[in-house]
């Protein structure tokens, strides 16, 4: 993956674009929230969520991905 300005990507793990729904819950919190996985790598996910949260917040995440007409989970 290269940047538009011509500099090579310096990440250890390349990012892969995704567009998958997810459900997340802040650890030890009672309610789950929805979001979208925008991209990911071996080291993490970039998600768009309905709630603001500080970087480093510990989450319990379930990523949903389509399989035919069903939704399967990756947790």
C-alpha atoms as a PDB file:
ATOM      1  CA  UNK A   1       0.000   0.000   0.000  1.00  0.00           C
ATOM      2  CA  UNK A   2       1.484   3.365  -0.959  1.00  0.00           C
ATOM      3  CA  UNK A   3       0.559   6.866   0.009  1.00  0.00           C
ATOM      4  CA  UNK A   4      -0.569   9.415  -2.545  1.00  0.00           C
ATOM      5  CA  UNK A   5       2.535  11.561  -1.996  1.00  0.00           C
ATOM      6  CA  UNK A   6       4.785   8.692  -3.184  1.00  0.00           C
ATOM      7  CA  UNK A   7       6.181   7.705   0.227  1.00  0.00           C
ATOM      8  CA  UNK A   8       6.104   3.988   0.914  1.00  0.00           C
ATOM      9  CA  UNK A   9       3.840   2.603   3.595  1.00  0.00           C
ATOM     10  CA  UNK A  10       5.779   2.170   6.854  1.00  0.00           C
ATOM     11  CA  UNK A  11       3.335   0.018   8.776  1.00  0.00           C
ATOM     12  CA  UNK A  12       4.446  -3.467   9.820  1.00  0.00           C
ATOM     13  CA  UNK A  13       1.105  -4.925   8.755  1.00  0.00           C
ATOM     14  CA  UNK A  14      -0.649  -3.594   5.633  1.00  0.00           C
ATOM     15  CA  UNK A  15      -4.236  -2.343   5.998  1.00  0.00           C
ATOM     16  CA  UNK A  16      -7.079  -4.009   4.099  1.00  0.00           C
ATOM     17  CA  UNK A  17     -10.198  -2.039   3.184  1.00  0.00           C
ATOM     18  CA  UNK A  18     -13.421  -3.492   4.591  1.00  0.00           C
ATOM     19  CA  UNK A  19     -17.051  -2.481   4.873  1.00  0.00           C
ATOM     20  CA  UNK A  20     -18.489  -4.764   7.546  1.00  0.00           C
ATOM     21  CA  UNK A  21     -21.047  -4.115  10.286  1.00  0.00           C
ATOM     22  CA  UNK A  22     -19.982  -4.669  13.865  1.00  0.00           C
ATOM     23  CA  UNK A  23     -21.383  -4.635  17.343  1.00  0.00           C
ATOM     24  CA  UNK A  24     -19.193  -3.460  20.203  1.00  0.00           C
ATOM     25  CA  UNK A  25     -19.466  -3.003  23.927  1.00  0.00           C
ATOM     26  CA  UNK A  26     -17.070  -1.196  26.224  1.00  0.00           C
ATOM     27  CA  UNK A  27     -15.812  -3.858  28.649  1.00  0.00           C
ATOM     28  CA  UNK A  28     -18.006  -4.132  31.737  1.00  0.00           C
ATOM     29  CA  UNK A  29     -20.666  -1.824  30.220  1.00  0.00           C
ATOM     30  CA  UNK A  30     -24.254  -3.082  29.931  1.00  0.00           C
ATOM     31  CA  UNK A  31     -25.171  -1.804  26.442  1.00  0.00           C
ATOM     32  CA  UNK A  32     -23.883  -2.672  22.962  1.00  0.00           C
ATOM     33  CA  UNK A  33     -23.529  -0.172  20.110  1.00  0.00           C
ATOM     34  CA  UNK A  34     -23.262  -0.516  16.349  1.00  0.00           C
ATOM     35  CA  UNK A  35     -20.549   0.543  13.957  1.00  0.00           C
ATOM     36  CA  UNK A  36     -18.767  -0.189  10.690  1.00  0.00           C
ATOM     37  CA  UNK A  37     -15.300  -1.684  10.164  1.00  0.00           C
ATOM     38  CA  UNK A  38     -13.542   0.581   7.611  1.00  0.00           C
ATOM     39  CA  UNK A  39     -10.190  -1.201   7.436  1.00  0.00           C
ATOM     40  CA  UNK A  40      -8.071  -3.622   9.397  1.00  0.00           C
ATOM     41  CA  UNK A  41      -4.754  -5.377   9.751  1.00  0.00           C
ATOM     42  CA  UNK A  42      -3.117  -7.913  12.045  1.00  0.00           C
ATOM     43  CA  UNK A  43      -2.665  -5.109  14.565  1.00  0.00           C
ATOM     44  CA  UNK A  44      -6.136  -3.598  14.709  1.00  0.00           C
ATOM     45  CA  UNK A  45      -9.304  -2.234  13.154  1.00  0.00           C
ATOM     46  CA  UNK A  46     -10.398   1.234  12.118  1.00  0.00           C
ATOM     47  CA  UNK A  47     -14.070   1.501  12.996  1.00  0.00           C
ATOM     48  CA  UNK A  48     -16.714   4.162  12.589  1.00  0.00           C
ATOM     49  CA  UNK A  49     -18.927   4.145  15.652  1.00  0.00           C
ATOM     50  CA  UNK A  50     -21.964   5.972  16.968  1.00  0.00           C
ATOM     51  CA  UNK A  51     -20.182   6.901  20.210  1.00  0.00           C
ATOM     52  CA  UNK A  52     -16.974   8.866  20.792  1.00  0.00           C
ATOM     53  CA  UNK A  53     -14.380   7.018  22.847  1.00  0.00           C
ATOM     54  CA  UNK A  54     -10.751   7.621  23.762  1.00  0.00           C
ATOM     55  CA  UNK A  55      -7.987   5.760  21.936  1.00  0.00           C
ATOM     56  CA  UNK A  56      -7.060   2.651  23.906  1.00  0.00           C
ATOM     57  CA  UNK A  57     -10.573   1.931  25.206  1.00  0.00           C
ATOM     58  CA  UNK A  58     -10.962  -1.824  25.741  1.00  0.00           C
ATOM     59  CA  UNK A  59     -13.866  -3.217  23.691  1.00  0.00           C
ATOM     60  CA  UNK A  60     -15.670  -6.495  23.220  1.00  0.00           C
ATOM     61  CA  UNK A  61     -16.247  -6.622  19.420  1.00  0.00           C
ATOM     62  CA  UNK A  62     -18.315  -8.879  17.182  1.00  0.00           C
ATOM     63  CA  UNK A  63     -17.753  -8.370  13.437  1.00  0.00           C
ATOM     64  CA  UNK A  64     -20.581  -9.577  11.183  1.00  0.00           C
ATOM     65  CA  UNK A  65     -19.870 -10.775   7.670  1.00  0.00           C
ATOM     66  CA  UNK A  66     -22.259 -12.064   5.007  1.00  0.00           C
ATOM     67  CA  UNK A  67     -22.410 -15.693   3.960  1.00  0.00           C
ATOM     68  CA  UNK A  68     -25.073 -16.073   1.319  1.00  0.00           C
ATOM     69  CA  UNK A  69     -28.274 -14.729   2.844  1.00  0.00           C
ATOM     70  CA  UNK A  70     -27.042 -15.245   6.415  1.00  0.00           C
ATOM     71  CA  UNK A  71     -24.823 -13.202   8.704  1.00  0.00           C
ATOM     72  CA  UNK A  72     -21.991 -15.029  10.448  1.00  0.00           C
ATOM     73  CA  UNK A  73     -19.892 -13.609  13.269  1.00  0.00           C
ATOM     74  CA  UNK A  74     -16.214 -13.184  13.837  1.00  0.00           C
ATOM     75  CA  UNK A  75     -15.512 -12.490  17.491  1.00  0.00           C
END
